[in-house]
């Protein structure tokens, strides 16, 4: 099997789960991405991506307690796994490797 990689939205969401450190659920992930990057991610897209990342083993989830604010519904809280941290580090190194090449080519950005 080939090397695992992350799509752009997967990387954004996985990184955001790490930033939220134990308080990551669908709405908080969407809000944090919009606040930090000014990028709109729909809640359904975030939920699908969170589930996919969990299936890949990069996230773990648990069900939080019910609150009256949510009409008694409970939220699924996500945390990043060791595999998730490893794939983010790999993605970061790949990007840095490419940026080093841009510098070597002396491109003016």
PDB file of N, CA and C in Angstrom:
ATOM      1  N   UNK A   1       0.833  -1.175   0.000  1.00  0.00           N
ATOM      2  CA  UNK A   1       0.000   0.000   0.000  1.00  0.00           C
ATOM      3  C   UNK A   1       0.881   1.243   0.000  1.00  0.00           C
ATOM      4  N   UNK A   2       0.403   2.318  -0.675  1.00  0.00           N
ATOM      5  CA  UNK A   2       1.158   3.561  -0.746  1.00  0.00           C
ATOM      6  C   UNK A   2       1.111   4.337   0.548  1.00  0.00           C
ATOM      7  N   UNK A   3       1.888   5.392   0.572  1.00  0.00           N
ATOM      8  CA  UNK A   3       1.954   6.249   1.753  1.00  0.00           C
ATOM      9  C   UNK A   3       0.635   6.994   1.935  1.00  0.00           C
ATOM     10  N   UNK A   4       0.192   7.097   3.168  1.00  0.00           N
ATOM     11  CA  UNK A   4      -1.030   7.837   3.456  1.00  0.00           C
ATOM     12  C   UNK A   4      -0.775   9.324   3.289  1.00  0.00           C
ATOM     13  N   UNK A   5      -1.809  10.036   2.904  1.00  0.00           N
ATOM     14  CA  UNK A   5      -1.716  11.480   2.805  1.00  0.00           C
ATOM     15  C   UNK A   5      -3.058  12.079   3.166  1.00  0.00           C
ATOM     16  N   UNK A   6      -3.057  13.375   3.397  1.00  0.00           N
ATOM     17  CA  UNK A   6      -4.271  14.087   3.760  1.00  0.00           C
ATOM     18  C   UNK A   6      -4.679  15.012   2.627  1.00  0.00           C
ATOM     19  N   UNK A   7      -5.976  15.096   2.389  1.00  0.00           N
ATOM     20  CA  UNK A   7      -6.497  16.122   1.504  1.00  0.00           C
ATOM     21  C   UNK A   7      -6.465  17.452   2.251  1.00  0.00           C
ATOM     22  N   UNK A   8      -6.675  18.534   1.522  1.00  0.00           N
ATOM     23  CA  UNK A   8      -6.586  19.861   2.137  1.00  0.00           C
ATOM     24  C   UNK A   8      -7.585  20.031   3.278  1.00  0.00           C
ATOM     25  N   UNK A   9      -8.841  19.665   3.053  1.00  0.00           N
ATOM     26  CA  UNK A   9      -9.842  19.820   4.108  1.00  0.00           C
ATOM     27  C   UNK A   9      -9.551  18.893   5.279  1.00  0.00           C
ATOM     28  N   UNK A  10      -9.084  17.685   4.991  1.00  0.00           N
ATOM     29  CA  UNK A  10      -8.708  16.766   6.076  1.00  0.00           C
ATOM     30  C   UNK A  10      -7.605  17.379   6.937  1.00  0.00           C
ATOM     31  N   UNK A  11      -6.609  17.966   6.288  1.00  0.00           N
ATOM     32  CA  UNK A  11      -5.506  18.578   7.030  1.00  0.00           C
ATOM     33  C   UNK A  11      -5.993  19.750   7.876  1.00  0.00           C
ATOM     34  N   UNK A  12      -6.849  20.591   7.306  1.00  0.00           N
ATOM     35  CA  UNK A  12      -7.391  21.729   8.064  1.00  0.00           C
ATOM     36  C   UNK A  12      -8.178  21.262   9.284  1.00  0.00           C
ATOM     37  N   UNK A  13      -9.026  20.278   9.084  1.00  0.00           N
ATOM     38  CA  UNK A  13      -9.872  19.806  10.184  1.00  0.00           C
ATOM     39  C   UNK A  13      -9.049  19.070  11.230  1.00  0.00           C
ATOM     40  N   UNK A  14      -8.116  18.243  10.804  1.00  0.00           N
ATOM     41  CA  UNK A  14      -7.271  17.519  11.760  1.00  0.00           C
ATOM     42  C   UNK A  14      -6.433  18.495  12.585  1.00  0.00           C
ATOM     43  N   UNK A  15      -5.880  19.494  11.937  1.00  0.00           N
ATOM     44  CA  UNK A  15      -5.097  20.514  12.644  1.00  0.00           C
ATOM     45  C   UNK A  15      -5.985  21.271  13.633  1.00  0.00           C
ATOM     46  N   UNK A  16      -7.185  21.592  13.214  1.00  0.00           N
ATOM     47  CA  UNK A  16      -8.102  22.332  14.076  1.00  0.00           C
ATOM     48  C   UNK A  16      -8.506  21.513  15.297  1.00  0.00           C
ATOM     49  N   UNK A  17      -8.714  20.224  15.124  1.00  0.00           N
ATOM     50  CA  UNK A  17      -9.012  19.359  16.274  1.00  0.00           C
ATOM     51  C   UNK A  17      -7.851  19.426  17.270  1.00  0.00           C
ATOM     52  N   UNK A  18      -6.636  19.416  16.766  1.00  0.00           N
ATOM     53  CA  UNK A  18      -5.473  19.542  17.641  1.00  0.00           C
ATOM     54  C   UNK A  18      -5.445  20.874  18.369  1.00  0.00           C
ATOM     55  N   UNK A  19      -5.795  21.943  17.671  1.00  0.00           N
ATOM     56  CA  UNK A  19      -5.824  23.280  18.272  1.00  0.00           C
ATOM     57  C   UNK A  19      -6.862  23.342  19.388  1.00  0.00           C
ATOM     58  N   UNK A  20      -8.033  22.755  19.142  1.00  0.00           N
ATOM     59  CA  UNK A  20      -9.129  22.820  20.120  1.00  0.00           C
ATOM     60  C   UNK A  20      -8.899  21.928  21.332  1.00  0.00           C
ATOM     61  N   UNK A  21      -7.967  21.021  21.243  1.00  0.00           N
ATOM     62  CA  UNK A  21      -7.461  20.250  22.380  1.00  0.00           C
ATOM     63  C   UNK A  21      -8.529  19.779  23.369  1.00  0.00           C
ATOM     64  N   UNK A  22      -9.374  18.858  22.902  1.00  0.00           N
ATOM     65  CA  UNK A  22     -10.365  18.264  23.802  1.00  0.00           C
ATOM     66  C   UNK A  22     -11.732  18.912  23.735  1.00  0.00           C
ATOM     67  N   UNK A  23     -11.858  20.018  22.997  1.00  0.00           N
ATOM     68  CA  UNK A  23     -13.158  20.681  22.869  1.00  0.00           C
ATOM     69  C   UNK A  23     -13.570  20.759  21.401  1.00  0.00           C
ATOM     70  N   UNK A  24     -13.206  19.732  20.632  1.00  0.00           N
ATOM     71  CA  UNK A  24     -13.488  19.738  19.196  1.00  0.00           C
ATOM     72  C   UNK A  24     -14.738  18.915  18.893  1.00  0.00           C
ATOM     73  N   UNK A  25     -15.728  19.568  18.370  1.00  0.00           N
ATOM     74  CA  UNK A  25     -16.928  18.913  17.856  1.00  0.00           C
ATOM     75  C   UNK A  25     -17.312  19.688  16.601  1.00  0.00           C
ATOM     76  N   UNK A  26     -18.258  19.195  15.846  1.00  0.00           N
ATOM     77  CA  UNK A  26     -18.557  19.773  14.543  1.00  0.00           C
ATOM     78  C   UNK A  26     -18.614  21.291  14.503  1.00  0.00           C
ATOM     79  N   UNK A  27     -19.480  21.881  15.316  1.00  0.00           N
ATOM     80  CA  UNK A  27     -19.638  23.341  15.299  1.00  0.00           C
ATOM     81  C   UNK A  27     -18.381  24.085  15.730  1.00  0.00           C
ATOM     82  N   UNK A  28     -17.681  23.573  16.724  1.00  0.00           N
ATOM     83  CA  UNK A  28     -16.480  24.282  17.183  1.00  0.00           C
ATOM     84  C   UNK A  28     -15.374  24.232  16.138  1.00  0.00           C
ATOM     85  N   UNK A  29     -15.286  23.124  15.402  1.00  0.00           N
ATOM     86  CA  UNK A  29     -14.287  23.004  14.335  1.00  0.00           C
ATOM     87  C   UNK A  29     -14.587  23.999  13.217  1.00  0.00           C
ATOM     88  N   UNK A  30     -15.853  24.050  12.791  1.00  0.00           N
ATOM     89  CA  UNK A  30     -16.268  24.979  11.741  1.00  0.00           C
ATOM     90  C   UNK A  30     -15.999  26.424  12.167  1.00  0.00           C
ATOM     91  N   UNK A  31     -16.367  26.766  13.392  1.00  0.00           N
ATOM     92  CA  UNK A  31     -16.172  28.133  13.896  1.00  0.00           C
ATOM     93  C   UNK A  31     -14.698  28.497  13.980  1.00  0.00           C
ATOM     94  N   UNK A  32     -13.865  27.565  14.435  1.00  0.00           N
ATOM     95  CA  UNK A  32     -12.433  27.852  14.576  1.00  0.00           C
ATOM     96  C   UNK A  32     -11.774  28.072  13.209  1.00  0.00           C
ATOM     97  N   UNK A  33     -12.138  27.268  12.230  1.00  0.00           N
ATOM     98  CA  UNK A  33     -11.569  27.440  10.886  1.00  0.00           C
ATOM     99  C   UNK A  33     -11.978  28.796  10.318  1.00  0.00           C
ATOM    100  N   UNK A  34     -13.237  29.157  10.512  1.00  0.00           N
ATOM    101  CA  UNK A  34     -13.680  30.456  10.008  1.00  0.00           C
ATOM    102  C   UNK A  34     -12.988  31.600  10.744  1.00  0.00           C
ATOM    103  N   UNK A  35     -12.840  31.471  12.054  1.00  0.00           N
ATOM    104  CA  UNK A  35     -12.208  32.530  12.845  1.00  0.00           C
ATOM    105  C   UNK A  35     -10.727  32.677  12.487  1.00  0.00           C
ATOM    106  N   UNK A  36     -10.014  31.580  12.366  1.00  0.00           N
ATOM    107  CA  UNK A  36      -8.578  31.639  12.139  1.00  0.00           C
ATOM    108  C   UNK A  36      -8.212  31.929  10.686  1.00  0.00           C
ATOM    109  N   UNK A  37      -8.990  31.396   9.746  1.00  0.00           N
ATOM    110  CA  UNK A  37      -8.612  31.494   8.330  1.00  0.00           C
ATOM    111  C   UNK A  37      -9.590  32.283   7.478  1.00  0.00           C
ATOM    112  N   UNK A  38     -10.754  32.618   8.047  1.00  0.00           N
ATOM    113  CA  UNK A  38     -11.758  33.306   7.264  1.00  0.00           C
ATOM    114  C   UNK A  38     -12.369  32.421   6.187  1.00  0.00           C
ATOM    115  N   UNK A  39     -12.245  31.141   6.355  1.00  0.00           N
ATOM    116  CA  UNK A  39     -12.735  30.167   5.376  1.00  0.00           C
ATOM    117  C   UNK A  39     -14.011  29.528   5.904  1.00  0.00           C
ATOM    118  N   UNK A  40     -15.004  29.422   5.043  1.00  0.00           N
ATOM    119  CA  UNK A  40     -16.273  28.812   5.429  1.00  0.00           C
ATOM    120  C   UNK A  40     -16.239  27.333   5.079  1.00  0.00           C
ATOM    121  N   UNK A  41     -16.467  26.505   6.086  1.00  0.00           N
ATOM    122  CA  UNK A  41     -16.617  25.061   5.907  1.00  0.00           C
ATOM    123  C   UNK A  41     -18.013  24.729   6.411  1.00  0.00           C
ATOM    124  N   UNK A  42     -18.795  24.038   5.587  1.00  0.00           N
ATOM    125  CA  UNK A  42     -20.150  23.706   6.018  1.00  0.00           C
ATOM    126  C   UNK A  42     -20.107  22.626   7.094  1.00  0.00           C
ATOM    127  N   UNK A  43     -21.106  22.637   7.941  1.00  0.00           N
ATOM    128  CA  UNK A  43     -21.180  21.644   9.010  1.00  0.00           C
ATOM    129  C   UNK A  43     -21.270  20.222   8.455  1.00  0.00           C
ATOM    130  N   UNK A  44     -22.071  19.967   7.407  1.00  0.00           N
ATOM    131  CA  UNK A  44     -22.082  18.605   6.860  1.00  0.00           C
ATOM    132  C   UNK A  44     -20.712  18.153   6.334  1.00  0.00           C
ATOM    133  N   UNK A  45     -19.989  19.058   5.686  1.00  0.00           N
ATOM    134  CA  UNK A  45     -18.655  18.705   5.188  1.00  0.00           C
ATOM    135  C   UNK A  45     -17.713  18.399   6.344  1.00  0.00           C
ATOM    136  N   UNK A  46     -17.827  19.168   7.423  1.00  0.00           N
ATOM    137  CA  UNK A  46     -16.988  18.928   8.601  1.00  0.00           C
ATOM    138  C   UNK A  46     -17.313  17.567   9.215  1.00  0.00           C
ATOM    139  N   UNK A  47     -18.601  17.244   9.345  1.00  0.00           N
ATOM    140  CA  UNK A  47     -18.997  15.958   9.931  1.00  0.00           C
ATOM    141  C   UNK A  47     -18.491  14.776   9.102  1.00  0.00           C
ATOM    142  N   UNK A  48     -18.628  14.871   7.790  1.00  0.00           N
ATOM    143  CA  UNK A  48     -18.154  13.795   6.917  1.00  0.00           C
ATOM    144  C   UNK A  48     -16.637  13.634   7.064  1.00  0.00           C
ATOM    145  N   UNK A  49     -15.926  14.739   7.097  1.00  0.00           N
ATOM    146  CA  UNK A  49     -14.465  14.689   7.199  1.00  0.00           C
ATOM    147  C   UNK A  49     -14.023  14.186   8.569  1.00  0.00           C
ATOM    148  N   UNK A  50     -14.673  14.618   9.626  1.00  0.00           N
ATOM    149  CA  UNK A  50     -14.350  14.116  10.965  1.00  0.00           C
ATOM    150  C   UNK A  50     -14.543  12.601  11.028  1.00  0.00           C
ATOM    151  N   UNK A  51     -15.637  12.116  10.476  1.00  0.00           N
ATOM    152  CA  UNK A  51     -15.894  10.664  10.464  1.00  0.00           C
ATOM    153  C   UNK A  51     -14.828   9.925   9.657  1.00  0.00           C
ATOM    154  N   UNK A  52     -14.468  10.473   8.501  1.00  0.00           N
ATOM    155  CA  UNK A  52     -13.451   9.839   7.664  1.00  0.00           C
ATOM    156  C   UNK A  52     -12.101   9.793   8.381  1.00  0.00           C
ATOM    157  N   UNK A  53     -11.744  10.873   9.052  1.00  0.00           N
ATOM    158  CA  UNK A  53     -10.478  10.910   9.790  1.00  0.00           C
ATOM    159  C   UNK A  53     -10.488   9.920  10.951  1.00  0.00           C
ATOM    160  N   UNK A  54     -11.648   9.736  11.564  1.00  0.00           N
ATOM    161  CA  UNK A  54     -11.750   8.751  12.635  1.00  0.00           C
ATOM    162  C   UNK A  54     -11.613   7.337  12.068  1.00  0.00           C
ATOM    163  N   UNK A  55     -12.226   7.074  10.930  1.00  0.00           N
ATOM    164  CA  UNK A  55     -12.103   5.765  10.289  1.00  0.00           C
ATOM    165  C   UNK A  55     -10.656   5.463   9.907  1.00  0.00           C
ATOM    166  N   UNK A  56      -9.916   6.482   9.541  1.00  0.00           N
ATOM    167  CA  UNK A  56      -8.502   6.308   9.179  1.00  0.00           C
ATOM    168  C   UNK A  56      -7.614   6.138  10.416  1.00  0.00           C
ATOM    169  N   UNK A  57      -8.167   6.380  11.603  1.00  0.00           N
ATOM    170  CA  UNK A  57      -7.410   6.227  12.839  1.00  0.00           C
ATOM    171  C   UNK A  57      -6.687   7.484  13.290  1.00  0.00           C
ATOM    172  N   UNK A  58      -6.983   8.621  12.663  1.00  0.00           N
ATOM    173  CA  UNK A  58      -6.307   9.876  13.010  1.00  0.00           C
ATOM    174  C   UNK A  58      -7.026  10.636  14.118  1.00  0.00           C
ATOM    175  N   UNK A  59      -8.282  10.285  14.357  1.00  0.00           N
ATOM    176  CA  UNK A  59      -9.073  10.895  15.414  1.00  0.00           C
ATOM    177  C   UNK A  59      -9.748   9.814  16.234  1.00  0.00           C
ATOM    178  N   UNK A  60     -10.059  10.177  17.455  1.00  0.00           N
ATOM    179  CA  UNK A  60     -10.863   9.322  18.337  1.00  0.00           C
ATOM    180  C   UNK A  60     -12.022  10.201  18.804  1.00  0.00           C
ATOM    181  N   UNK A  61     -13.197   9.599  18.986  1.00  0.00           N
ATOM    182  CA  UNK A  61     -14.322  10.402  19.468  1.00  0.00           C
ATOM    183  C   UNK A  61     -14.987   9.743  20.660  1.00  0.00           C
ATOM    184  N   UNK A  62     -15.675  10.580  21.397  1.00  0.00           N
ATOM    185  CA  UNK A  62     -16.490  10.117  22.519  1.00  0.00           C
ATOM    186  C   UNK A  62     -17.727  10.989  22.550  1.00  0.00           C
ATOM    187  N   UNK A  63     -18.762  10.479  23.168  1.00  0.00           N
ATOM    188  CA  UNK A  63     -20.010  11.232  23.275  1.00  0.00           C
ATOM    189  C   UNK A  63     -19.978  12.035  24.569  1.00  0.00           C
ATOM    190  N   UNK A  64     -20.187  13.343  24.450  1.00  0.00           N
ATOM    191  CA  UNK A  64     -20.221  14.224  25.615  1.00  0.00           C
ATOM    192  C   UNK A  64     -21.584  14.193  26.272  1.00  0.00           C
ATOM    193  N   UNK A  65     -21.709  14.909  27.348  1.00  0.00           N
ATOM    194  CA  UNK A  65     -22.970  14.963  28.085  1.00  0.00           C
ATOM    195  C   UNK A  65     -24.011  15.803  27.380  1.00  0.00           C
ATOM    196  N   UNK A  66     -25.269  15.538  27.675  1.00  0.00           N
ATOM    197  CA  UNK A  66     -26.382  16.306  27.126  1.00  0.00           C
ATOM    198  C   UNK A  66     -26.453  17.662  27.822  1.00  0.00           C
ATOM    199  N   UNK A  67     -26.842  18.676  27.057  1.00  0.00           N
ATOM    200  CA  UNK A  67     -27.009  20.013  27.625  1.00  0.00           C
ATOM    201  C   UNK A  67     -28.367  20.563  27.216  1.00  0.00           C
ATOM    202  N   UNK A  68     -28.905  21.444  28.033  1.00  0.00           N
ATOM    203  CA  UNK A  68     -30.191  22.070  27.706  1.00  0.00           C
ATOM    204  C   UNK A  68     -30.039  23.011  26.518  1.00  0.00           C
ATOM    205  N   UNK A  69     -28.857  23.581  26.341  1.00  0.00           N
ATOM    206  CA  UNK A  69     -28.597  24.482  25.214  1.00  0.00           C
ATOM    207  C   UNK A  69     -28.805  23.749  23.895  1.00  0.00           C
ATOM    208  N   UNK A  70     -28.474  22.475  23.860  1.00  0.00           N
ATOM    209  CA  UNK A  70     -28.596  21.679  22.643  1.00  0.00           C
ATOM    210  C   UNK A  70     -29.905  20.878  22.628  1.00  0.00           C
ATOM    211  N   UNK A  71     -30.862  21.262  23.443  1.00  0.00           N
ATOM    212  CA  UNK A  71     -32.143  20.559  23.471  1.00  0.00           C
ATOM    213  C   UNK A  71     -32.025  19.137  23.982  1.00  0.00           C
ATOM    214  N   UNK A  72     -31.046  18.899  24.858  1.00  0.00           N
ATOM    215  CA  UNK A  72     -30.854  17.580  25.428  1.00  0.00           C
ATOM    216  C   UNK A  72     -29.998  16.642  24.578  1.00  0.00           C
ATOM    217  N   UNK A  73     -29.597  17.128  23.411  1.00  0.00           N
ATOM    218  CA  UNK A  73     -28.745  16.283  22.552  1.00  0.00           C
ATOM    219  C   UNK A  73     -27.303  16.327  23.045  1.00  0.00           C
ATOM    220  N   UNK A  74     -26.621  15.216  22.803  1.00  0.00           N
ATOM    221  CA  UNK A  74     -25.216  15.137  23.190  1.00  0.00           C
ATOM    222  C   UNK A  74     -24.350  15.370  21.968  1.00  0.00           C
ATOM    223  N   UNK A  75     -23.135  15.883  22.176  1.00  0.00           N
ATOM    224  CA  UNK A  75     -22.245  16.119  21.041  1.00  0.00           C
ATOM    225  C   UNK A  75     -21.110  15.110  21.037  1.00  0.00           C
ATOM    226  N   UNK A  76     -20.617  14.817  19.849  1.00  0.00           N
ATOM    227  CA  UNK A  76     -19.476  13.916  19.669  1.00  0.00           C
ATOM    228  C   UNK A  76     -18.217  14.774  19.718  1.00  0.00           C
ATOM    229  N   UNK A  77     -17.351  14.477  20.675  1.00  0.00           N
ATOM    230  CA  UNK A  77     -16.128  15.249  20.888  1.00  0.00           C
ATOM    231  C   UNK A  77     -14.943  14.456  20.330  1.00  0.00           C
ATOM    232  N   UNK A  78     -14.124  15.134  19.552  1.00  0.00           N
ATOM    233  CA  UNK A  78     -12.993  14.489  18.876  1.00  0.00           C
ATOM    234  C   UNK A  78     -11.663  14.901  19.484  1.00  0.00           C
ATOM    235  N   UNK A  79     -10.746  13.947  19.534  1.00  0.00           N
ATOM    236  CA  UNK A  79      -9.368  14.214  19.925  1.00  0.00           C
ATOM    237  C   UNK A  79      -8.450  13.573  18.891  1.00  0.00           C
ATOM    238  N   UNK A  80      -7.291  14.165  18.737  1.00  0.00           N
ATOM    239  CA  UNK A  80      -6.326  13.670  17.761  1.00  0.00           C
ATOM    240  C   UNK A  80      -5.558  12.489  18.366  1.00  0.00           C
ATOM    241  N   UNK A  81      -5.266  11.499  17.542  1.00  0.00           N
ATOM    242  CA  UNK A  81      -4.519  10.317  17.995  1.00  0.00           C
ATOM    243  C   UNK A  81      -3.039  10.482  17.668  1.00  0.00           C
ATOM    244  N   UNK A  82      -2.233   9.548  18.147  1.00  0.00           N
ATOM    245  CA  UNK A  82      -0.800   9.572  17.813  1.00  0.00           C
ATOM    246  C   UNK A  82      -0.601   9.456  16.307  1.00  0.00           C
ATOM    247  N   UNK A  83      -1.417   8.633  15.659  1.00  0.00           N
ATOM    248  CA  UNK A  83      -1.338   8.508  14.191  1.00  0.00           C
ATOM    249  C   UNK A  83      -1.705   9.825  13.519  1.00  0.00           C
ATOM    250  N   UNK A  84      -2.667  10.534  14.085  1.00  0.00           N
ATOM    251  CA  UNK A  84      -3.064  11.830  13.546  1.00  0.00           C
ATOM    252  C   UNK A  84      -1.947  12.848  13.655  1.00  0.00           C
ATOM    253  N   UNK A  85      -1.270  12.865  14.783  1.00  0.00           N
ATOM    254  CA  UNK A  85      -0.130  13.765  14.966  1.00  0.00           C
ATOM    255  C   UNK A  85       0.973  13.409  13.978  1.00  0.00           C
ATOM    256  N   UNK A  86       1.223  12.121  13.802  1.00  0.00           N
ATOM    257  CA  UNK A  86       2.279  11.678  12.886  1.00  0.00           C
ATOM    258  C   UNK A  86       1.982  12.088  11.445  1.00  0.00           C
ATOM    259  N   UNK A  87       0.728  11.934  11.005  1.00  0.00           N
ATOM    260  CA  UNK A  87       0.401  12.298   9.621  1.00  0.00           C
ATOM    261  C   UNK A  87       0.462  13.806   9.427  1.00  0.00           C
ATOM    262  N   UNK A  88       0.113  14.582  10.451  1.00  0.00           N
ATOM    263  CA  UNK A  88       0.241  16.043  10.350  1.00  0.00           C
ATOM    264  C   UNK A  88       1.708  16.449  10.251  1.00  0.00           C
ATOM    265  N   UNK A  89       2.555  15.816  11.039  1.00  0.00           N
ATOM    266  CA  UNK A  89       3.992  16.128  10.958  1.00  0.00           C
ATOM    267  C   UNK A  89       4.541  15.786   9.579  1.00  0.00           C
ATOM    268  N   UNK A  90       4.103  14.661   9.032  1.00  0.00           N
ATOM    269  CA  UNK A  90       4.537  14.251   7.697  1.00  0.00           C
ATOM    270  C   UNK A  90       4.078  15.265   6.650  1.00  0.00           C
ATOM    271  N   UNK A  91       2.836  15.712   6.752  1.00  0.00           N
ATOM    272  CA  UNK A  91       2.308  16.707   5.811  1.00  0.00           C
ATOM    273  C   UNK A  91       3.080  18.016   5.926  1.00  0.00           C
ATOM    274  N   UNK A  92       3.382  18.418   7.150  1.00  0.00           N
ATOM    275  CA  UNK A  92       4.132  19.645   7.371  1.00  0.00           C
ATOM    276  C   UNK A  92       5.527  19.547   6.751  1.00  0.00           C
ATOM    277  N   UNK A  93       6.190  18.429   6.952  1.00  0.00           N
ATOM    278  CA  UNK A  93       7.530  18.248   6.403  1.00  0.00           C
ATOM    279  C   UNK A  93       7.500  18.247   4.876  1.00  0.00           C
ATOM    280  N   UNK A  94       6.490  17.628   4.289  1.00  0.00           N
ATOM    281  CA  UNK A  94       6.361  17.623   2.827  1.00  0.00           C
ATOM    282  C   UNK A  94       6.209  19.039   2.291  1.00  0.00           C
ATOM    283  N   UNK A  95       5.384  19.827   2.945  1.00  0.00           N
ATOM    284  CA  UNK A  95       5.192  21.213   2.503  1.00  0.00           C
ATOM    285  C   UNK A  95       6.470  22.029   2.672  1.00  0.00           C
ATOM    286  N   UNK A  96       7.146  21.853   3.794  1.00  0.00           N
ATOM    287  CA  UNK A  96       8.401  22.578   4.020  1.00  0.00           C
ATOM    288  C   UNK A  96       9.452  22.196   2.984  1.00  0.00           C
ATOM    289  N   UNK A  97       9.501  20.922   2.638  1.00  0.00           N
ATOM    290  CA  UNK A  97      10.447  20.459   1.622  1.00  0.00           C
ATOM    291  C   UNK A  97      10.187  21.183   0.296  1.00  0.00           C
ATOM    292  N   UNK A  98       8.942  21.320  -0.076  1.00  0.00           N
ATOM    293  CA  UNK A  98       8.615  22.029  -1.316  1.00  0.00           C
ATOM    294  C   UNK A  98       8.940  23.514  -1.222  1.00  0.00           C
ATOM    295  N   UNK A  99       8.644  24.141  -0.082  1.00  0.00           N
ATOM    296  CA  UNK A  99       8.943  25.564   0.077  1.00  0.00           C
ATOM    297  C   UNK A  99      10.448  25.819   0.030  1.00  0.00           C
ATOM    298  N   UNK A 100      11.237  24.882   0.534  1.00  0.00           N
ATOM    299  CA  UNK A 100      12.694  25.029   0.433  1.00  0.00           C
ATOM    300  C   UNK A 100      13.132  25.059  -1.024  1.00  0.00           C
ATOM    301  N   UNK A 101      12.487  24.291  -1.868  1.00  0.00           N
ATOM    302  CA  UNK A 101      12.796  24.284  -3.285  1.00  0.00           C
ATOM    303  C   UNK A 101      12.429  25.607  -3.950  1.00  0.00           C
ATOM    304  N   UNK A 102      11.329  26.201  -3.527  1.00  0.00           N
ATOM    305  CA  UNK A 102      10.953  27.505  -4.067  1.00  0.00           C
ATOM    306  C   UNK A 102      12.053  28.507  -3.764  1.00  0.00           C
ATOM    307  N   UNK A 103      12.583  28.487  -2.559  1.00  0.00           N
ATOM    308  CA  UNK A 103      13.674  29.384  -2.176  1.00  0.00           C
ATOM    309  C   UNK A 103      14.903  29.127  -3.039  1.00  0.00           C
ATOM    310  N   UNK A 104      15.209  27.864  -3.289  1.00  0.00           N
ATOM    311  CA  UNK A 104      16.369  27.542  -4.111  1.00  0.00           C
ATOM    312  C   UNK A 104      16.199  28.036  -5.531  1.00  0.00           C
ATOM    313  N   UNK A 105      14.990  28.078  -6.029  1.00  0.00           N
ATOM    314  CA  UNK A 105      14.739  28.559  -7.387  1.00  0.00           C
ATOM    315  C   UNK A 105      14.702  30.073  -7.454  1.00  0.00           C
ATOM    316  N   UNK A 106      14.769  30.698  -6.294  1.00  0.00           N
ATOM    317  CA  UNK A 106      14.785  32.163  -6.171  1.00  0.00           C
ATOM    318  C   UNK A 106      13.574  32.821  -6.838  1.00  0.00           C
ATOM    319  N   UNK A 107      12.437  32.189  -6.629  1.00  0.00           N
ATOM    320  CA  UNK A 107      11.205  32.777  -7.124  1.00  0.00           C
ATOM    321  C   UNK A 107      10.800  33.928  -6.222  1.00  0.00           C
ATOM    322  N   UNK A 108      10.306  34.944  -6.835  1.00  0.00           N
ATOM    323  CA  UNK A 108       9.851  36.093  -6.044  1.00  0.00           C
ATOM    324  C   UNK A 108       8.352  35.963  -5.838  1.00  0.00           C
ATOM    325  N   UNK A 109       7.973  35.744  -4.590  1.00  0.00           N
ATOM    326  CA  UNK A 109       6.549  35.593  -4.271  1.00  0.00           C
ATOM    327  C   UNK A 109       6.038  36.837  -3.586  1.00  0.00           C
TER     328      UNK A 109
END
